[in-house]
PDB file of N, CA and C in Angstrom:
ATOM      1  N   UNK A   1     -29.294 -45.302-237.207  1.00  0.00           N
ATOM      2  CA  UNK A   1     -29.111 -45.667-236.150  1.00  0.00           C
ATOM      3  C   UNK A   1     -30.584 -45.611-234.930  1.00  0.00           C
ATOM      4  N   UNK A   2     -30.479 -47.118-233.982  1.00  0.00           N
ATOM      5  CA  UNK A   2     -32.047 -47.063-233.447  1.00  0.00           C
ATOM      6  C   UNK A   2     -31.889 -46.522-231.870  1.00  0.00           C
ATOM      7  N   UNK A   3     -33.031 -45.959-231.632  1.00  0.00           N
ATOM      8  CA  UNK A   3     -33.080 -45.090-230.484  1.00  0.00           C
ATOM      9  C   UNK A   3     -33.196 -46.493-229.371  1.00  0.00           C
ATOM     10  N   UNK A   4     -32.614 -45.854-227.878  1.00  0.00           N
ATOM     11  CA  UNK A   4     -32.290 -46.691-226.852  1.00  0.00           C
ATOM     12  C   UNK A   4     -33.718 -46.722-226.020  1.00  0.00           C
ATOM     13  N   UNK A   5     -34.327 -47.820-226.125  1.00  0.00           N
ATOM     14  CA  UNK A   5     -35.992 -47.913-225.371  1.00  0.00           C
ATOM     15  C   UNK A   5     -35.094 -48.232-223.690  1.00  0.00           C
ATOM     16  N   UNK A   6     -35.810 -47.321-222.841  1.00  0.00           N
ATOM     17  CA  UNK A   6     -35.105 -47.192-221.559  1.00  0.00           C
ATOM     18  C   UNK A   6     -36.251 -48.441-221.027  1.00  0.00           C
ATOM     19  N   UNK A   7     -35.931 -49.360-220.121  1.00  0.00           N
ATOM     20  CA  UNK A   7     -36.522 -50.480-219.673  1.00  0.00           C
ATOM     21  C   UNK A   7     -37.304 -49.529-218.475  1.00  0.00           C
ATOM     22  N   UNK A   8     -38.360 -49.614-217.965  1.00  0.00           N
ATOM     23  CA  UNK A   8     -38.863 -48.838-217.077  1.00  0.00           C
ATOM     24  C   UNK A   8     -38.661 -50.209-215.766  1.00  0.00           C
ATOM     25  N   UNK A   9     -38.543 -50.300-214.700  1.00  0.00           N
ATOM     26  CA  UNK A   9     -38.522 -51.218-213.551  1.00  0.00           C
ATOM     27  C   UNK A   9     -39.997 -51.296-213.284  1.00  0.00           C
ATOM     28  N   UNK A  10     -40.619 -52.301-213.516  1.00  0.00           N
ATOM     29  CA  UNK A  10     -41.682 -52.832-213.116  1.00  0.00           C
ATOM     30  C   UNK A  10     -42.277 -52.717-211.398  1.00  0.00           C
ATOM     31  N   UNK A  11     -42.802 -52.338-211.075  1.00  0.00           N
ATOM     32  CA  UNK A  11     -43.112 -52.159-209.577  1.00  0.00           C
ATOM     33  C   UNK A  11     -44.043 -53.394-209.243  1.00  0.00           C
ATOM     34  N   UNK A  12     -42.961 -54.254-208.234  1.00  0.00           N
ATOM     35  CA  UNK A  12     -43.817 -55.066-207.362  1.00  0.00           C
ATOM     36  C   UNK A  12     -44.695 -55.046-206.565  1.00  0.00           C
ATOM     37  N   UNK A  13     -46.069 -55.363-206.428  1.00  0.00           N
ATOM     38  CA  UNK A  13     -46.951 -55.136-205.929  1.00  0.00           C
ATOM     39  C   UNK A  13     -47.275 -55.324-204.358  1.00  0.00           C
ATOM     40  N   UNK A  14     -47.105 -54.526-203.807  1.00  0.00           N
ATOM     41  CA  UNK A  14     -47.003 -55.093-201.900  1.00  0.00           C
ATOM     42  C   UNK A  14     -48.129 -56.370-201.870  1.00  0.00           C
ATOM     43  N   UNK A  15     -47.317 -56.864-200.681  1.00  0.00           N
ATOM     44  CA  UNK A  15     -48.428 -58.131-200.640  1.00  0.00           C
ATOM     45  C   UNK A  15     -48.511 -57.414-198.876  1.00  0.00           C
ATOM     46  N   UNK A  16     -50.227 -57.656-199.147  1.00  0.00           N
ATOM     47  CA  UNK A  16     -50.960 -57.016-198.086  1.00  0.00           C
ATOM     48  C   UNK A  16     -51.265 -58.039-197.206  1.00  0.00           C
ATOM     49  N   UNK A  17     -51.408 -58.644-195.892  1.00  0.00           N
ATOM     50  CA  UNK A  17     -51.738 -59.530-194.874  1.00  0.00           C
ATOM     51  C   UNK A  17     -53.370 -58.947-194.521  1.00  0.00           C
ATOM     52  N   UNK A  18     -54.390 -60.262-194.136  1.00  0.00           N
ATOM     53  CA  UNK A  18     -55.566 -60.076-194.287  1.00  0.00           C
ATOM     54  C   UNK A  18     -55.598 -58.749-193.060  1.00  0.00           C
ATOM     55  N   UNK A  19     -54.712 -58.759-192.047  1.00  0.00           N
ATOM     56  CA  UNK A  19     -54.797 -57.882-191.006  1.00  0.00           C
ATOM     57  C   UNK A  19     -54.612 -56.540-191.543  1.00  0.00           C
ATOM     58  N   UNK A  20     -53.817 -56.258-192.552  1.00  0.00           N
ATOM     59  CA  UNK A  20     -53.581 -55.100-193.099  1.00  0.00           C
ATOM     60  C   UNK A  20     -54.626 -54.412-193.850  1.00  0.00           C
ATOM     61  N   UNK A  21     -55.060 -55.640-194.776  1.00  0.00           N
ATOM     62  CA  UNK A  21     -56.296 -55.323-195.473  1.00  0.00           C
ATOM     63  C   UNK A  21     -57.380 -54.721-194.630  1.00  0.00           C
ATOM     64  N   UNK A  22     -57.794 -55.023-193.493  1.00  0.00           N
ATOM     65  CA  UNK A  22     -58.626 -54.867-192.629  1.00  0.00           C
ATOM     66  C   UNK A  22     -58.536 -53.795-192.133  1.00  0.00           C
ATOM     67  N   UNK A  23     -57.324 -53.441-191.743  1.00  0.00           N
ATOM     68  CA  UNK A  23     -56.724 -52.276-190.912  1.00  0.00           C
ATOM     69  C   UNK A  23     -57.119 -50.762-192.275  1.00  0.00           C
ATOM     70  N   UNK A  24     -56.306 -51.040-193.572  1.00  0.00           N
ATOM     71  CA  UNK A  24     -56.414 -50.319-194.266  1.00  0.00           C
ATOM     72  C   UNK A  24     -58.208 -50.097-194.417  1.00  0.00           C
ATOM     73  N   UNK A  25     -58.765 -50.850-194.509  1.00  0.00           N
ATOM     74  CA  UNK A  25     -60.480 -50.149-194.585  1.00  0.00           C
ATOM     75  C   UNK A  25     -60.885 -49.638-193.800  1.00  0.00           C
ATOM     76  N   UNK A  26     -60.204 -50.199-192.589  1.00  0.00           N
ATOM     77  CA  UNK A  26     -60.927 -48.991-191.169  1.00  0.00           C
ATOM     78  C   UNK A  26     -60.846 -47.595-191.313  1.00  0.00           C
ATOM     79  N   UNK A  27     -59.479 -47.739-191.434  1.00  0.00           N
ATOM     80  CA  UNK A  27     -58.875 -46.295-191.635  1.00  0.00           C
ATOM     81  C   UNK A  27     -59.413 -45.301-192.500  1.00  0.00           C
ATOM     82  N   UNK A  28     -60.021 -46.290-194.267  1.00  0.00           N
ATOM     83  CA  UNK A  28     -60.731 -45.586-194.601  1.00  0.00           C
ATOM     84  C   UNK A  28     -61.665 -45.003-194.350  1.00  0.00           C
ATOM     85  N   UNK A  29     -62.700 -45.616-193.423  1.00  0.00           N
ATOM     86  CA  UNK A  29     -63.724 -45.413-193.301  1.00  0.00           C
ATOM     87  C   UNK A  29     -63.562 -44.269-192.439  1.00  0.00           C
ATOM     88  N   UNK A  30     -62.853 -43.918-191.622  1.00  0.00           N
ATOM     89  CA  UNK A  30     -62.790 -43.300-190.463  1.00  0.00           C
ATOM     90  C   UNK A  30     -62.496 -41.899-191.172  1.00  0.00           C
ATOM     91  N   UNK A  31     -61.336 -42.232-192.067  1.00  0.00           N
ATOM     92  CA  UNK A  31     -60.596 -41.059-193.068  1.00  0.00           C
ATOM     93  C   UNK A  31     -61.486 -39.780-193.476  1.00  0.00           C
ATOM     94  N   UNK A  32     -63.000 -40.401-193.605  1.00  0.00           N
ATOM     95  CA  UNK A  32     -63.877 -39.127-194.458  1.00  0.00           C
ATOM     96  C   UNK A  32     -63.099 -39.304-196.315  1.00  0.00           C
ATOM     97  N   UNK A  33     -62.208 -39.533-196.463  1.00  0.00           N
ATOM     98  CA  UNK A  33     -61.843 -39.351-197.813  1.00  0.00           C
ATOM     99  C   UNK A  33     -61.924 -40.346-198.969  1.00  0.00           C
ATOM    100  N   UNK A  34     -62.586 -40.111-200.317  1.00  0.00           N
ATOM    101  CA  UNK A  34     -63.006 -40.870-201.522  1.00  0.00           C
ATOM    102  C   UNK A  34     -61.882 -42.027-201.524  1.00  0.00           C
ATOM    103  N   UNK A  35     -62.186 -43.262-201.787  1.00  0.00           N
ATOM    104  CA  UNK A  35     -61.317 -44.743-201.810  1.00  0.00           C
ATOM    105  C   UNK A  35     -60.261 -44.069-202.974  1.00  0.00           C
ATOM    106  N   UNK A  36     -60.752 -43.551-204.065  1.00  0.00           N
ATOM    107  CA  UNK A  36     -59.479 -42.938-205.099  1.00  0.00           C
ATOM    108  C   UNK A  36     -58.534 -42.188-204.064  1.00  0.00           C
ATOM    109  N   UNK A  37     -59.424 -40.739-203.370  1.00  0.00           N
ATOM    110  CA  UNK A  37     -57.867 -40.040-202.676  1.00  0.00           C
ATOM    111  C   UNK A  37     -57.415 -40.648-201.601  1.00  0.00           C
ATOM    112  N   UNK A  38     -58.059 -41.845-200.872  1.00  0.00           N
ATOM    113  CA  UNK A  38     -57.216 -42.632-199.662  1.00  0.00           C
ATOM    114  C   UNK A  38     -56.289 -43.414-200.632  1.00  0.00           C
ATOM    115  N   UNK A  39     -56.536 -44.130-201.480  1.00  0.00           N
ATOM    116  CA  UNK A  39     -55.646 -45.066-202.478  1.00  0.00           C
ATOM    117  C   UNK A  39     -54.307 -44.265-203.326  1.00  0.00           C
ATOM    118  N   UNK A  40     -54.261 -43.194-203.852  1.00  0.00           N
ATOM    119  CA  UNK A  40     -53.694 -42.291-203.715  1.00  0.00           C
ATOM    120  C   UNK A  40     -52.469 -41.955-203.097  1.00  0.00           C
ATOM    121  N   UNK A  41     -53.033 -41.258-201.689  1.00  0.00           N
ATOM    122  CA  UNK A  41     -52.109 -41.194-200.460  1.00  0.00           C
ATOM    123  C   UNK A  41     -51.473 -42.609-199.873  1.00  0.00           C
ATOM    124  N   UNK A  42     -51.765 -43.554-199.907  1.00  0.00           N
ATOM    125  CA  UNK A  42     -51.200 -44.917-199.172  1.00  0.00           C
ATOM    126  C   UNK A  42     -50.529 -45.382-200.837  1.00  0.00           C
ATOM    127  N   UNK A  43     -50.701 -45.254-201.461  1.00  0.00           N
ATOM    128  CA  UNK A  43     -49.800 -45.777-202.884  1.00  0.00           C
ATOM    129  C   UNK A  43     -50.760 -47.329-202.729  1.00  0.00           C
ATOM    130  N   UNK A  44     -51.632 -47.454-203.190  1.00  0.00           N
ATOM    131  CA  UNK A  44     -52.645 -48.640-203.066  1.00  0.00           C
ATOM    132  C   UNK A  44     -53.481 -48.679-204.329  1.00  0.00           C
ATOM    133  N   UNK A  45     -53.336 -49.639-205.213  1.00  0.00           N
ATOM    134  CA  UNK A  45     -54.177 -49.531-206.423  1.00  0.00           C
ATOM    135  C   UNK A  45     -55.396 -49.631-205.869  1.00  0.00           C
ATOM    136  N   UNK A  46     -56.113 -48.734-206.760  1.00  0.00           N
ATOM    137  CA  UNK A  46     -57.696 -48.666-206.442  1.00  0.00           C
ATOM    138  C   UNK A  46     -58.658 -49.738-206.666  1.00  0.00           C
ATOM    139  N   UNK A  47     -58.241 -50.238-207.698  1.00  0.00           N
ATOM    140  CA  UNK A  47     -58.959 -51.488-208.037  1.00  0.00           C
ATOM    141  C   UNK A  47     -58.301 -53.297-207.203  1.00  0.00           C
ATOM    142  N   UNK A  48     -57.482 -53.101-206.679  1.00  0.00           N
ATOM    143  CA  UNK A  48     -57.118 -53.756-205.882  1.00  0.00           C
ATOM    144  C   UNK A  48     -57.874 -53.555-204.539  1.00  0.00           C
ATOM    145  N   UNK A  49     -57.919 -52.085-203.812  1.00  0.00           N
ATOM    146  CA  UNK A  49     -58.691 -51.887-202.629  1.00  0.00           C
ATOM    147  C   UNK A  49     -60.023 -52.112-202.680  1.00  0.00           C
ATOM    148  N   UNK A  50     -60.942 -52.332-204.367  1.00  0.00           N
ATOM    149  CA  UNK A  50     -62.177 -52.145-204.435  1.00  0.00           C
ATOM    150  C   UNK A  50     -62.424 -53.610-204.102  1.00  0.00           C
ATOM    151  N   UNK A  51     -61.292 -54.528-204.606  1.00  0.00           N
ATOM    152  CA  UNK A  51     -61.319 -55.630-204.592  1.00  0.00           C
ATOM    153  C   UNK A  51     -61.791 -56.163-203.225  1.00  0.00           C
ATOM    154  N   UNK A  52     -60.548 -55.625-202.315  1.00  0.00           N
ATOM    155  CA  UNK A  52     -61.048 -55.901-200.745  1.00  0.00           C
ATOM    156  C   UNK A  52     -62.146 -55.733-200.415  1.00  0.00           C
ATOM    157  N   UNK A  53     -62.892 -54.876-200.498  1.00  0.00           N
ATOM    158  CA  UNK A  53     -63.989 -54.634-200.118  1.00  0.00           C
ATOM    159  C   UNK A  53     -65.279 -56.153-200.422  1.00  0.00           C
ATOM    160  N   UNK A  54     -64.856 -55.902-202.015  1.00  0.00           N
ATOM    161  CA  UNK A  54     -65.756 -56.962-202.570  1.00  0.00           C
ATOM    162  C   UNK A  54     -65.667 -58.456-202.251  1.00  0.00           C
ATOM    163  N   UNK A  55     -64.440 -58.878-201.591  1.00  0.00           N
ATOM    164  CA  UNK A  55     -64.244 -60.056-200.954  1.00  0.00           C
ATOM    165  C   UNK A  55     -64.395 -59.784-199.036  1.00  0.00           C
ATOM    166  N   UNK A  56     -64.240 -59.121-199.052  1.00  0.00           N
ATOM    167  CA  UNK A  56     -64.919 -58.796-197.540  1.00  0.00           C
ATOM    168  C   UNK A  56     -66.203 -58.803-197.168  1.00  0.00           C
ATOM    169  N   UNK A  57     -66.775 -58.310-198.012  1.00  0.00           N
ATOM    170  CA  UNK A  57     -68.556 -58.736-198.021  1.00  0.00           C
ATOM    171  C   UNK A  57     -69.101 -59.899-198.403  1.00  0.00           C
ATOM    172  N   UNK A  58     -68.466 -60.569-199.141  1.00  0.00           N
ATOM    173  CA  UNK A  58     -68.739 -61.951-199.575  1.00  0.00           C
ATOM    174  C   UNK A  58     -68.103 -62.898-198.416  1.00  0.00           C
ATOM    175  N   UNK A  59     -67.439 -62.854-197.859  1.00  0.00           N
ATOM    176  CA  UNK A  59     -66.572 -63.565-197.018  1.00  0.00           C
ATOM    177  C   UNK A  59     -67.587 -63.937-195.323  1.00  0.00           C
ATOM    178  N   UNK A  60     -68.586 -63.239-195.322  1.00  0.00           N
ATOM    179  CA  UNK A  60     -69.380 -63.289-194.371  1.00  0.00           C
ATOM    180  C   UNK A  60     -68.872 -63.039-192.787  1.00  0.00           C
ATOM    181  N   UNK A  61     -68.661 -61.560-193.104  1.00  0.00           N
ATOM    182  CA  UNK A  61     -68.020 -60.835-192.050  1.00  0.00           C
ATOM    183  C   UNK A  61     -68.892 -60.265-191.241  1.00  0.00           C
ATOM    184  N   UNK A  62     -70.733 -60.737-191.400  1.00  0.00           N
ATOM    185  CA  UNK A  62     -71.328 -60.395-190.173  1.00  0.00           C
ATOM    186  C   UNK A  62     -70.927 -61.292-188.981  1.00  0.00           C
ATOM    187  N   UNK A  63     -71.414 -60.853-187.806  1.00  0.00           N
ATOM    188  CA  UNK A  63     -71.085 -61.258-186.773  1.00  0.00           C
ATOM    189  C   UNK A  63     -72.267 -60.836-185.578  1.00  0.00           C
ATOM    190  N   UNK A  64     -72.847 -62.132-185.110  1.00  0.00           N
ATOM    191  CA  UNK A  64     -73.818 -61.978-183.901  1.00  0.00           C
ATOM    192  C   UNK A  64     -73.294 -62.116-182.610  1.00  0.00           C
ATOM    193  N   UNK A  65     -73.644 -61.582-181.342  1.00  0.00           N
ATOM    194  CA  UNK A  65     -73.243 -61.936-179.922  1.00  0.00           C
ATOM    195  C   UNK A  65     -74.621 -62.158-178.956  1.00  0.00           C
ATOM    196  N   UNK A  66     -74.512 -63.017-178.673  1.00  0.00           N
ATOM    197  CA  UNK A  66     -76.158 -62.987-177.913  1.00  0.00           C
ATOM    198  C   UNK A  66     -75.902 -62.404-176.715  1.00  0.00           C
ATOM    199  N   UNK A  67     -77.018 -61.620-176.349  1.00  0.00           N
ATOM    200  CA  UNK A  67     -76.905 -60.851-174.984  1.00  0.00           C
ATOM    201  C   UNK A  67     -78.032 -61.470-174.300  1.00  0.00           C
ATOM    202  N   UNK A  68     -77.681 -61.463-172.581  1.00  0.00           N
ATOM    203  CA  UNK A  68     -78.649 -61.733-171.939  1.00  0.00           C
ATOM    204  C   UNK A  68     -78.855 -60.235-171.139  1.00  0.00           C
ATOM    205  N   UNK A  69     -80.469 -60.025-170.900  1.00  0.00           N
ATOM    206  CA  UNK A  69     -80.612 -59.089-170.057  1.00  0.00           C
ATOM    207  C   UNK A  69     -81.467 -59.391-169.382  1.00  0.00           C
ATOM    208  N   UNK A  70     -81.628 -58.546-167.722  1.00  0.00           N
ATOM    209  CA  UNK A  70     -82.961 -58.378-166.524  1.00  0.00           C
ATOM    210  C   UNK A  70     -83.857 -58.954-167.385  1.00  0.00           C
ATOM    211  N   UNK A  71     -85.139 -59.488-166.793  1.00  0.00           N
ATOM    212  CA  UNK A  71     -86.180 -59.529-166.968  1.00  0.00           C
ATOM    213  C   UNK A  71     -87.096 -58.426-167.003  1.00  0.00           C
ATOM    214  N   UNK A  72     -87.468 -57.490-168.482  1.00  0.00           N
ATOM    215  CA  UNK A  72     -88.004 -56.295-168.613  1.00  0.00           C
ATOM    216  C   UNK A  72     -87.212 -55.411-168.610  1.00  0.00           C
ATOM    217  N   UNK A  73     -86.160 -55.639-168.628  1.00  0.00           N
ATOM    218  CA  UNK A  73     -85.132 -54.347-169.198  1.00  0.00           C
ATOM    219  C   UNK A  73     -84.815 -54.476-170.776  1.00  0.00           C
ATOM    220  N   UNK A  74     -85.771 -52.941-171.458  1.00  0.00           N
ATOM    221  CA  UNK A  74     -85.182 -52.757-172.928  1.00  0.00           C
ATOM    222  C   UNK A  74     -83.835 -52.268-172.832  1.00  0.00           C
ATOM    223  N   UNK A  75     -82.960 -52.976-173.723  1.00  0.00           N
ATOM    224  CA  UNK A  75     -81.710 -51.803-173.903  1.00  0.00           C
ATOM    225  C   UNK A  75     -81.153 -51.351-175.245  1.00  0.00           C
ATOM    226  N   UNK A  76     -80.755 -50.340-175.769  1.00  0.00           N
ATOM    227  CA  UNK A  76     -80.516 -50.167-176.980  1.00  0.00           C
ATOM    228  C   UNK A  76     -80.053 -50.763-177.771  1.00  0.00           C
ATOM    229  N   UNK A  77     -80.107 -50.938-179.100  1.00  0.00           N
ATOM    230  CA  UNK A  77     -79.768 -51.843-180.262  1.00  0.00           C
ATOM    231  C   UNK A  77     -78.611 -50.958-180.444  1.00  0.00           C
ATOM    232  N   UNK A  78     -77.656 -52.061-181.275  1.00  0.00           N
ATOM    233  CA  UNK A  78     -76.191 -51.481-181.664  1.00  0.00           C
ATOM    234  C   UNK A  78     -76.163 -52.395-182.771  1.00  0.00           C
ATOM    235  N   UNK A  79     -76.488 -51.857-184.385  1.00  0.00           N
ATOM    236  CA  UNK A  79     -75.748 -52.941-185.237  1.00  0.00           C
ATOM    237  C   UNK A  79     -74.756 -52.621-185.899  1.00  0.00           C
ATOM    238  N   UNK A  80     -73.595 -53.471-186.572  1.00  0.00           N
ATOM    239  CA  UNK A  80     -72.388 -52.914-186.788  1.00  0.00           C
ATOM    240  C   UNK A  80     -72.790 -53.928-188.079  1.00  0.00           C
ATOM    241  N   UNK A  81     -72.602 -52.971-189.221  1.00  0.00           N
ATOM    242  CA  UNK A  81     -72.623 -53.114-190.327  1.00  0.00           C
ATOM    243  C   UNK A  81     -71.260 -53.139-191.348  1.00  0.00           C
ATOM    244  N   UNK A  82     -71.321 -53.763-192.599  1.00  0.00           N
ATOM    245  CA  UNK A  82     -69.547 -53.482-193.382  1.00  0.00           C
ATOM    246  C   UNK A  82     -69.385 -52.390-193.761  1.00  0.00           C
ATOM    247  N   UNK A  83     -68.073 -51.981-193.809  1.00  0.00           N
ATOM    248  CA  UNK A  83     -68.054 -51.035-194.420  1.00  0.00           C
ATOM    249  C   UNK A  83     -68.017 -49.549-193.595  1.00  0.00           C
ATOM    250  N   UNK A  84     -67.482 -50.058-192.021  1.00  0.00           N
ATOM    251  CA  UNK A  84     -67.734 -49.438-190.914  1.00  0.00           C
ATOM    252  C   UNK A  84     -68.545 -48.870-190.699  1.00  0.00           C
ATOM    253  N   UNK A  85     -70.010 -49.073-191.218  1.00  0.00           N
ATOM    254  CA  UNK A  85     -71.393 -48.634-190.821  1.00  0.00           C
ATOM    255  C   UNK A  85     -71.483 -49.025-189.104  1.00  0.00           C
ATOM    256  N   UNK A  86     -72.240 -47.995-188.185  1.00  0.00           N
ATOM    257  CA  UNK A  86     -72.730 -48.462-187.163  1.00  0.00           C
ATOM    258  C   UNK A  86     -74.255 -47.733-187.089  1.00  0.00           C
ATOM    259  N   UNK A  87     -75.275 -48.722-186.397  1.00  0.00           N
ATOM    260  CA  UNK A  87     -76.365 -47.889-186.482  1.00  0.00           C
ATOM    261  C   UNK A  87     -76.918 -48.657-185.087  1.00  0.00           C
ATOM    262  N   UNK A  88     -76.922 -47.354-183.902  1.00  0.00           N
ATOM    263  CA  UNK A  88     -77.898 -47.042-182.682  1.00  0.00           C
ATOM    264  C   UNK A  88     -79.353 -46.624-182.586  1.00  0.00           C
ATOM    265  N   UNK A  89     -79.747 -47.996-182.400  1.00  0.00           N
ATOM    266  CA  UNK A  89     -81.253 -47.558-182.499  1.00  0.00           C
ATOM    267  C   UNK A  89     -81.573 -47.275-180.575  1.00  0.00           C
ATOM    268  N   UNK A  90     -82.045 -46.087-180.297  1.00  0.00           N
ATOM    269  CA  UNK A  90     -82.453 -46.304-178.514  1.00  0.00           C
ATOM    270  C   UNK A  90     -83.851 -46.551-177.985  1.00  0.00           C
ATOM    271  N   UNK A  91     -84.451 -46.286-178.711  1.00  0.00           N
ATOM    272  CA  UNK A  91     -86.007 -46.852-178.921  1.00  0.00           C
ATOM    273  C   UNK A  91     -86.117 -47.982-179.942  1.00  0.00           C
ATOM    274  N   UNK A  92     -86.750 -49.162-179.234  1.00  0.00           N
ATOM    275  CA  UNK A  92     -87.562 -50.138-180.253  1.00  0.00           C
ATOM    276  C   UNK A  92     -88.313 -49.719-181.152  1.00  0.00           C
ATOM    277  N   UNK A  93     -89.203 -49.196-180.771  1.00  0.00           N
ATOM    278  CA  UNK A  93     -89.982 -49.104-182.306  1.00  0.00           C
ATOM    279  C   UNK A  93     -90.661 -49.745-182.488  1.00  0.00           C
ATOM    280  N   UNK A  94     -91.443 -49.817-183.863  1.00  0.00           N
ATOM    281  CA  UNK A  94     -91.747 -51.105-184.678  1.00  0.00           C
ATOM    282  C   UNK A  94     -90.652 -51.903-185.367  1.00  0.00           C
ATOM    283  N   UNK A  95     -90.621 -53.221-184.657  1.00  0.00           N
ATOM    284  CA  UNK A  95     -89.816 -53.958-185.502  1.00  0.00           C
ATOM    285  C   UNK A  95     -89.401 -54.374-186.801  1.00  0.00           C
ATOM    286  N   UNK A  96     -90.728 -53.868-187.590  1.00  0.00           N
ATOM    287  CA  UNK A  96     -90.699 -53.761-188.855  1.00  0.00           C
ATOM    288  C   UNK A  96     -89.999 -52.775-189.666  1.00  0.00           C
ATOM    289  N   UNK A  97     -90.337 -51.335-189.009  1.00  0.00           N
ATOM    290  CA  UNK A  97     -89.820 -50.440-189.631  1.00  0.00           C
ATOM    291  C   UNK A  97     -88.290 -50.231-189.532  1.00  0.00           C
ATOM    292  N   UNK A  98     -87.575 -51.062-188.414  1.00  0.00           N
ATOM    293  CA  UNK A  98     -86.228 -50.938-188.059  1.00  0.00           C
ATOM    294  C   UNK A  98     -86.131 -52.098-189.090  1.00  0.00           C
ATOM    295  N   UNK A  99     -86.162 -52.886-189.377  1.00  0.00           N
ATOM    296  CA  UNK A  99     -85.688 -54.449-189.937  1.00  0.00           C
ATOM    297  C   UNK A  99     -85.440 -53.456-191.714  1.00  0.00           C
ATOM    298  N   UNK A 100     -86.455 -53.085-192.021  1.00  0.00           N
ATOM    299  CA  UNK A 100     -86.902 -51.941-193.283  1.00  0.00           C
ATOM    300  C   UNK A 100     -85.214 -51.292-193.346  1.00  0.00           C
ATOM    301  N   UNK A 101     -85.335 -50.844-192.037  1.00  0.00           N
ATOM    302  CA  UNK A 101     -84.464 -49.329-192.092  1.00  0.00           C
ATOM    303  C   UNK A 101     -83.139 -50.167-192.506  1.00  0.00           C
ATOM    304  N   UNK A 102     -82.622 -51.320-192.004  1.00  0.00           N
ATOM    305  CA  UNK A 102     -81.513 -52.222-191.823  1.00  0.00           C
ATOM    306  C   UNK A 102     -80.905 -52.477-193.063  1.00  0.00           C
ATOM    307  N   UNK A 103     -82.133 -52.770-193.745  1.00  0.00           N
ATOM    308  CA  UNK A 103     -82.273 -53.824-194.912  1.00  0.00           C
ATOM    309  C   UNK A 103     -81.649 -52.385-195.947  1.00  0.00           C
ATOM    310  N   UNK A 104     -82.130 -51.387-196.092  1.00  0.00           N
ATOM    311  CA  UNK A 104     -82.160 -50.014-196.879  1.00  0.00           C
ATOM    312  C   UNK A 104     -80.469 -49.925-196.762  1.00  0.00           C
ATOM    313  N   UNK A 105     -79.848 -49.509-195.512  1.00  0.00           N
ATOM    314  CA  UNK A 105     -78.150 -49.183-195.314  1.00  0.00           C
ATOM    315  C   UNK A 105     -77.511 -49.876-195.579  1.00  0.00           C
ATOM    316  N   UNK A 106     -77.902 -51.554-195.454  1.00  0.00           N
ATOM    317  CA  UNK A 106     -76.837 -52.373-195.856  1.00  0.00           C
ATOM    318  C   UNK A 106     -77.027 -52.570-197.342  1.00  0.00           C
ATOM    319  N   UNK A 107     -78.026 -52.568-197.815  1.00  0.00           N
ATOM    320  CA  UNK A 107     -78.207 -52.895-199.318  1.00  0.00           C
ATOM    321  C   UNK A 107     -78.699 -54.515-199.554  1.00  0.00           C
ATOM    322  N   UNK A 108     -79.286 -54.749-198.659  1.00  0.00           N
ATOM    323  CA  UNK A 108     -79.374 -56.514-198.920  1.00  0.00           C
ATOM    324  C   UNK A 108     -81.066 -56.300-199.015  1.00  0.00           C
TER     325      UNK A 108
END
């Protein structure tokens, strides 16, 4: 007599829009959780989640805004990097040191 094999239902992967993916990436950044734990709680495949980060960083998500300041005014600098990293610099200091710091933090 042959044993019956139960056919497990294949789980159909959820389709996430670009807005959904961005929202989930931002939620992860604020959560303080590891990617693995975050994905387990949300039912997201970890490999898929890693792919979202990879595509996001390749898509040129860097944005720049032109700022006009009154003459002689020195403003703090705010830099927004991928993965929800924000850098605020109040003292302009030495430009070369700031550039090196940003490259180190951003991994460029």
